[in-house]
Amino acid sequence: MKSMMAAAILAGMLVCAPAGAAAQDGDDLWSRQINGETAGQWNVMPERPAPRVVAASGVPGDAALRVRVQRAGGNPWDIQASSPIGGAINAGDIILVAFYARAEQPAPNGSVLPVRLQMSGAPYTAVLEGAKAIDGEWRQHCLWGAATQSLAAGASNVSLHLANAQQVIDLGPVFVFNLGPDFDRAQLPACG
């Protein structure tokens, strides 16, 4: 299963990678994963209505978590899905976050999700953040960059803010890789 997921991630990276970029060795990539035990674990807050597991053919694990946002919140983080990260992050480390998602029912003007790699407790400072447009097709979305500060092992998570619109979002697994400070950024996907 892990080798199939590695192949899927690398294939996605090759499709998105800049021209001339060479693929990294899949085993090397997996040795840098810092959320191995929790890659398929999403925690949704609040849990009303309760998220549910749905079939997701073609997504690693063939299952996803469906989150129904009944109305926009006062803040995008009023409903969020987070996944814990077990590994440490040092300021300047190149971090790659790759996750599978689709909008089962997109927001009226299209679903755009804020994505953050952040402290798992207050003040929830982000060390990497961006936003990803999510449509009705299963896609691997990614975000990468240099961590802006250090976080101890077990002190961070990936958080997707879902309350920016009424929508239904399906979430597949999330993978987080710490590639270190010297990783060749030309090897990273474009992450459009």
C-alpha atoms as a PDB file:
ATOM      1  CA  MET A   1       0.000   0.000   0.000  1.00  0.00           C
ATOM      2  CA  LYS A   2       2.770   2.440   0.949  1.00  0.00           C
ATOM      3  CA  SER A   3       4.586   1.841  -2.348  1.00  0.00           C
ATOM      4  CA  MET A   4       1.343   2.476  -4.272  1.00  0.00           C
ATOM      5  CA  MET A   5       0.870   5.743  -2.384  1.00  0.00           C
ATOM      6  CA  ALA A   6       4.490   6.718  -3.057  1.00  0.00           C
ATOM      7  CA  ALA A   7       4.013   6.031  -6.760  1.00  0.00           C
ATOM      8  CA  ALA A   8       0.795   8.065  -6.807  1.00  0.00           C
ATOM      9  CA  ILE A   9       2.404  11.042  -5.095  1.00  0.00           C
ATOM     10  CA  LEU A  10       5.465  10.936  -7.310  1.00  0.00           C
ATOM     11  CA  ALA A  11       3.300  10.597 -10.418  1.00  0.00           C
ATOM     12  CA  GLY A  12       1.338  13.656  -9.309  1.00  0.00           C
ATOM     13  CA  MET A  13       4.567  15.529  -8.707  1.00  0.00           C
ATOM     14  CA  LEU A  14       5.888  14.631 -12.137  1.00  0.00           C
ATOM     15  CA  VAL A  15       2.727  15.980 -13.748  1.00  0.00           C
ATOM     16  CA  CYS A  16       3.004  19.228 -11.778  1.00  0.00           C
ATOM     17  CA  ALA A  17       6.787  19.581 -11.737  1.00  0.00           C
ATOM     18  CA  PRO A  18       8.586  22.337 -13.611  1.00  0.00           C
ATOM     19  CA  ALA A  19      10.206  21.405 -16.916  1.00  0.00           C
ATOM     20  CA  GLY A  20      13.523  19.631 -16.503  1.00  0.00           C
ATOM     21  CA  ALA A  21      12.925  18.632 -12.888  1.00  0.00           C
ATOM     22  CA  ALA A  22      14.030  15.123 -12.050  1.00  0.00           C
ATOM     23  CA  ALA A  23      11.960  12.913  -9.772  1.00  0.00           C
ATOM     24  CA  GLN A  24      13.250  12.131  -6.295  1.00  0.00           C
ATOM     25  CA  ASP A  25      13.678   8.501  -5.280  1.00  0.00           C
ATOM     26  CA  GLY A  26      10.336   7.279  -3.858  1.00  0.00           C
ATOM     27  CA  ASP A  27      11.959   5.472  -0.925  1.00  0.00           C
ATOM     28  CA  ASP A  28      13.890   8.642  -0.075  1.00  0.00           C
ATOM     29  CA  LEU A  29      10.665  10.668  -0.186  1.00  0.00           C
ATOM     30  CA  TRP A  30       8.896   8.277   2.182  1.00  0.00           C
ATOM     31  CA  SER A  31      11.841   8.356   4.588  1.00  0.00           C
ATOM     32  CA  ARG A  32      11.135  12.077   4.966  1.00  0.00           C
ATOM     33  CA  GLN A  33       7.429  11.714   5.774  1.00  0.00           C
ATOM     34  CA  ILE A  34       6.669  13.221   9.197  1.00  0.00           C
ATOM     35  CA  ASN A  35       3.012  12.199   9.567  1.00  0.00           C
ATOM     36  CA  GLY A  36       3.194   8.495   8.688  1.00  0.00           C
ATOM     37  CA  GLU A  37       0.961   7.252  11.487  1.00  0.00           C
ATOM     38  CA  THR A  38      -1.737   9.870  10.880  1.00  0.00           C
ATOM     39  CA  ALA A  39      -1.837  10.278   7.073  1.00  0.00           C
ATOM     40  CA  GLY A  40      -5.467   9.178   6.868  1.00  0.00           C
ATOM     41  CA  GLN A  41      -6.628  10.843  10.069  1.00  0.00           C
ATOM     42  CA  TRP A  42      -8.727  14.004   9.851  1.00  0.00           C
ATOM     43  CA  ASN A  43     -10.269  15.541  12.963  1.00  0.00           C
ATOM     44  CA  VAL A  44     -13.211  17.835  12.212  1.00  0.00           C
ATOM     45  CA  MET A  45     -14.330  20.549  14.611  1.00  0.00           C
ATOM     46  CA  PRO A  46     -17.086  21.104  15.350  1.00  0.00           C
ATOM     47  CA  GLU A  47     -18.574  17.718  14.484  1.00  0.00           C
ATOM     48  CA  ARG A  48     -22.078  18.975  13.633  1.00  0.00           C
ATOM     49  CA  PRO A  49     -23.262  17.619  11.359  1.00  0.00           C
ATOM     50  CA  ALA A  50     -21.048  14.611  11.940  1.00  0.00           C
ATOM     51  CA  PRO A  51     -18.585  13.925   9.115  1.00  0.00           C
ATOM     52  CA  ARG A  52     -18.884  10.477   7.575  1.00  0.00           C
ATOM     53  CA  VAL A  53     -16.644   8.080   5.727  1.00  0.00           C
ATOM     54  CA  VAL A  54     -17.500   7.578   2.032  1.00  0.00           C
ATOM     55  CA  ALA A  55     -16.068   5.376  -0.724  1.00  0.00           C
ATOM     56  CA  ALA A  56     -13.423   7.148  -2.832  1.00  0.00           C
ATOM     57  CA  SER A  57     -12.283   4.969  -5.710  1.00  0.00           C
ATOM     58  CA  GLY A  58      -8.806   5.846  -6.957  1.00  0.00           C
ATOM     59  CA  VAL A  59      -7.767   7.668  -3.774  1.00  0.00           C
ATOM     60  CA  PRO A  60      -5.136   5.956  -1.579  1.00  0.00           C
ATOM     61  CA  GLY A  61      -7.116   3.896   0.908  1.00  0.00           C
ATOM     62  CA  ASP A  62     -10.276   4.048  -1.279  1.00  0.00           C
ATOM     63  CA  ALA A  63     -12.085   6.077   1.398  1.00  0.00           C
ATOM     64  CA  ALA A  64     -12.599   9.721   2.284  1.00  0.00           C
ATOM     65  CA  LEU A  65     -14.138  11.808   5.023  1.00  0.00           C
ATOM     66  CA  ARG A  66     -17.151  13.846   3.884  1.00  0.00           C
ATOM     67  CA  VAL A  67     -17.613  17.171   5.679  1.00  0.00           C
ATOM     68  CA  ARG A  68     -20.858  19.080   5.183  1.00  0.00           C
ATOM     69  CA  VAL A  69     -20.678  22.827   5.841  1.00  0.00           C
ATOM     70  CA  GLN A  70     -24.287  23.977   6.143  1.00  0.00           C
ATOM     71  CA  ARG A  71     -23.504  27.695   6.072  1.00  0.00           C
ATOM     72  CA  ALA A  72     -20.527  30.006   6.030  1.00  0.00           C
ATOM     73  CA  GLY A  73     -19.128  30.833   9.447  1.00  0.00           C
ATOM     74  CA  GLY A  74     -18.037  34.162  10.834  1.00  0.00           C
ATOM     75  CA  ASN A  75     -14.457  32.941  10.330  1.00  0.00           C
ATOM     76  CA  PRO A  76     -13.114  30.364   7.831  1.00  0.00           C
ATOM     77  CA  TRP A  77     -11.754  28.309  10.765  1.00  0.00           C
ATOM     78  CA  ASP A  78     -15.154  28.005  12.471  1.00  0.00           C
ATOM     79  CA  ILE A  79     -15.263  24.571  10.810  1.00  0.00           C
ATOM     80  CA  GLN A  80     -11.922  22.964  10.176  1.00  0.00           C
ATOM     81  CA  ALA A  81     -10.342  19.622   9.459  1.00  0.00           C
ATOM     82  CA  SER A  82      -6.941  19.000  10.974  1.00  0.00           C
ATOM     83  CA  SER A  83      -4.459  16.146  10.836  1.00  0.00           C
ATOM     84  CA  PRO A  84      -1.666  15.808  13.402  1.00  0.00           C
ATOM     85  CA  ILE A  85       2.019  15.768  12.454  1.00  0.00           C
ATOM     86  CA  GLY A  86       4.365  13.708  14.585  1.00  0.00           C
ATOM     87  CA  GLY A  87       7.717  14.919  13.295  1.00  0.00           C
ATOM     88  CA  ALA A  88       9.760  17.976  14.186  1.00  0.00           C
ATOM     89  CA  ILE A  89      10.159  20.972  11.866  1.00  0.00           C
ATOM     90  CA  ASN A  90      13.074  23.416  11.961  1.00  0.00           C
ATOM     91  CA  ALA A  91      12.943  26.974  10.647  1.00  0.00           C
ATOM     92  CA  GLY A  92      14.101  26.904   7.032  1.00  0.00           C
ATOM     93  CA  ASP A  93      13.178  23.239   6.403  1.00  0.00           C
ATOM     94  CA  ILE A  94      11.435  22.707   3.066  1.00  0.00           C
ATOM     95  CA  ILE A  95       8.029  21.198   3.838  1.00  0.00           C
ATOM     96  CA  LEU A  96       5.756  19.530   1.269  1.00  0.00           C
ATOM     97  CA  VAL A  97       2.079  18.969   2.113  1.00  0.00           C
ATOM     98  CA  ALA A  98       0.117  16.796  -0.339  1.00  0.00           C
ATOM     99  CA  PHE A  99      -3.551  15.947   0.214  1.00  0.00           C
ATOM    100  CA  TYR A 100      -6.457  14.500  -1.744  1.00  0.00           C
ATOM    101  CA  ALA A 101      -9.717  16.431  -1.846  1.00  0.00           C
ATOM    102  CA  ARG A 102     -12.759  17.200  -3.944  1.00  0.00           C
ATOM    103  CA  ALA A 103     -15.890  19.292  -3.569  1.00  0.00           C
ATOM    104  CA  GLU A 104     -18.855  16.906  -3.597  1.00  0.00           C
ATOM    105  CA  GLN A 105     -21.021  20.048  -3.583  1.00  0.00           C
ATOM    106  CA  PRO A 106     -18.885  23.097  -4.381  1.00  0.00           C
ATOM    107  CA  ALA A 107     -19.520  26.490  -2.855  1.00  0.00           C
ATOM    108  CA  PRO A 108     -21.727  28.748  -5.022  1.00  0.00           C
ATOM    109  CA  ASN A 109     -18.681  30.663  -6.332  1.00  0.00           C
ATOM    110  CA  GLY A 110     -16.323  27.678  -6.216  1.00  0.00           C
ATOM    111  CA  SER A 111     -14.612  26.100  -3.229  1.00  0.00           C
ATOM    112  CA  VAL A 112     -11.302  27.588  -2.118  1.00  0.00           C
ATOM    113  CA  LEU A 113      -9.815  26.151   1.043  1.00  0.00           C
ATOM    114  CA  PRO A 114      -7.199  27.869   3.206  1.00  0.00           C
ATOM    115  CA  VAL A 115      -4.459  25.305   3.955  1.00  0.00           C
ATOM    116  CA  ARG A 116      -2.131  25.766   6.911  1.00  0.00           C
ATOM    117  CA  LEU A 117       0.686  23.870   8.527  1.00  0.00           C
ATOM    118  CA  GLN A 118       0.449  25.342  12.002  1.00  0.00           C
ATOM    119  CA  MET A 119       1.022  24.987  15.706  1.00  0.00           C
ATOM    120  CA  SER A 120      -1.519  22.500  17.046  1.00  0.00           C
ATOM    121  CA  GLY A 121      -2.317  24.758  20.009  1.00  0.00           C
ATOM    122  CA  ALA A 122      -2.773  28.437  20.708  1.00  0.00           C
ATOM    123  CA  PRO A 123      -1.779  30.761  19.135  1.00  0.00           C
ATOM    124  CA  TYR A 124      -2.001  28.382  16.085  1.00  0.00           C
ATOM    125  CA  THR A 125       0.808  30.203  14.277  1.00  0.00           C
ATOM    126  CA  ALA A 126       1.229  29.021  10.676  1.00  0.00           C
ATOM    127  CA  VAL A 127       4.692  28.062   9.448  1.00  0.00           C
ATOM    128  CA  LEU A 128       3.368  27.434   5.915  1.00  0.00           C
ATOM    129  CA  GLU A 129       0.058  28.517   4.406  1.00  0.00           C
ATOM    130  CA  GLY A 130      -1.798  28.981   1.154  1.00  0.00           C
ATOM    131  CA  ALA A 131      -5.185  28.363  -0.464  1.00  0.00           C
ATOM    132  CA  LYS A 132      -6.308  25.670  -2.902  1.00  0.00           C
ATOM    133  CA  ALA A 133      -9.229  25.714  -5.330  1.00  0.00           C
ATOM    134  CA  ILE A 134     -11.151  22.457  -4.957  1.00  0.00           C
ATOM    135  CA  ASP A 135     -13.523  21.234  -7.674  1.00  0.00           C
ATOM    136  CA  GLY A 136     -15.688  18.128  -8.141  1.00  0.00           C
ATOM    137  CA  GLU A 137     -12.825  15.893  -9.312  1.00  0.00           C
ATOM    138  CA  TRP A 138     -10.511  13.988  -7.012  1.00  0.00           C
ATOM    139  CA  ARG A 139      -7.124  15.667  -7.166  1.00  0.00           C
ATOM    140  CA  GLN A 140      -3.914  15.652  -5.248  1.00  0.00           C
ATOM    141  CA  HIS A 141      -3.339  19.198  -4.023  1.00  0.00           C
ATOM    142  CA  CYS A 142      -0.007  20.338  -2.687  1.00  0.00           C
ATOM    143  CA  LEU A 143       1.640  23.210  -0.910  1.00  0.00           C
ATOM    144  CA  TRP A 144       5.323  23.620  -0.191  1.00  0.00           C
ATOM    145  CA  GLY A 145       7.735  26.150   1.159  1.00  0.00           C
ATOM    146  CA  ALA A 146      10.323  26.894   3.828  1.00  0.00           C
ATOM    147  CA  ALA A 147       9.049  26.691   7.398  1.00  0.00           C
ATOM    148  CA  THR A 148       9.067  30.147   8.978  1.00  0.00           C
ATOM    149  CA  GLN A 149       9.810  28.820  12.479  1.00  0.00           C
ATOM    150  CA  SER A 150      10.657  25.622  14.336  1.00  0.00           C
ATOM    151  CA  LEU A 151       8.009  23.326  15.821  1.00  0.00           C
ATOM    152  CA  ALA A 152       8.744  20.405  18.143  1.00  0.00           C
ATOM    153  CA  ALA A 153       7.701  16.866  17.269  1.00  0.00           C
ATOM    154  CA  GLY A 154       3.982  16.442  17.889  1.00  0.00           C
ATOM    155  CA  ALA A 155       3.336  20.188  18.142  1.00  0.00           C
ATOM    156  CA  SER A 156       1.913  20.831  14.657  1.00  0.00           C
ATOM    157  CA  ASN A 157      -0.895  19.868  12.323  1.00  0.00           C
ATOM    158  CA  VAL A 158      -2.243  20.461   8.841  1.00  0.00           C
ATOM    159  CA  SER A 159      -5.458  22.459   9.031  1.00  0.00           C
ATOM    160  CA  LEU A 160      -8.002  23.045   6.267  1.00  0.00           C
ATOM    161  CA  HIS A 161     -10.456  25.856   6.986  1.00  0.00           C
ATOM    162  CA  LEU A 162     -13.859  24.896   5.611  1.00  0.00           C
ATOM    163  CA  ALA A 163     -16.348  27.502   6.902  1.00  0.00           C
ATOM    164  CA  ASN A 164     -15.774  30.118   4.207  1.00  0.00           C
ATOM    165  CA  ALA A 165     -18.915  28.946   2.330  1.00  0.00           C
ATOM    166  CA  GLN A 166     -21.743  26.436   2.277  1.00  0.00           C
ATOM    167  CA  GLN A 167     -20.175  23.348   0.666  1.00  0.00           C
ATOM    168  CA  VAL A 168     -19.581  19.619   0.980  1.00  0.00           C
ATOM    169  CA  ILE A 169     -15.904  18.619   0.908  1.00  0.00           C
ATOM    170  CA  ASP A 170     -14.481  15.086   0.668  1.00  0.00           C
ATOM    171  CA  LEU A 171     -11.024  14.655   2.181  1.00  0.00           C
ATOM    172  CA  GLY A 172      -8.654  11.811   1.368  1.00  0.00           C
ATOM    173  CA  PRO A 173      -5.281  11.219   2.988  1.00  0.00           C
ATOM    174  CA  VAL A 174      -2.739  13.947   3.684  1.00  0.00           C
ATOM    175  CA  PHE A 175       1.028  13.431   3.507  1.00  0.00           C
ATOM    176  CA  VAL A 176       3.601  15.775   5.035  1.00  0.00           C
ATOM    177  CA  PHE A 177       7.283  15.571   4.129  1.00  0.00           C
ATOM    178  CA  ASN A 178      10.168  17.406   5.780  1.00  0.00           C
ATOM    179  CA  LEU A 179      12.735  17.636   3.004  1.00  0.00           C
ATOM    180  CA  GLY A 180      15.308  19.529   5.081  1.00  0.00           C
ATOM    181  CA  PRO A 181      16.834  22.954   4.461  1.00  0.00           C
ATOM    182  CA  ASP A 182      19.061  21.963   1.535  1.00  0.00           C
ATOM    183  CA  PHE A 183      16.493  20.209  -0.686  1.00  0.00           C
ATOM    184  CA  ASP A 184      16.676  21.258  -4.351  1.00  0.00           C
ATOM    185  CA  ARG A 185      13.487  23.288  -4.811  1.00  0.00           C
ATOM    186  CA  ALA A 186      13.629  22.647  -8.579  1.00  0.00           C
ATOM    187  CA  GLN A 187      12.581  19.070  -7.724  1.00  0.00           C
ATOM    188  CA  LEU A 188       9.304  20.217  -6.157  1.00  0.00           C
ATOM    189  CA  PRO A 189       5.933  20.310  -7.953  1.00  0.00           C
ATOM    190  CA  ALA A 190       4.493  23.594  -9.199  1.00  0.00           C
ATOM    191  CA  CYS A 191       1.455  23.156  -6.887  1.00  0.00           C
ATOM    192  CA  GLY A 192      -0.745  25.411  -9.025  1.00  0.00           C
END
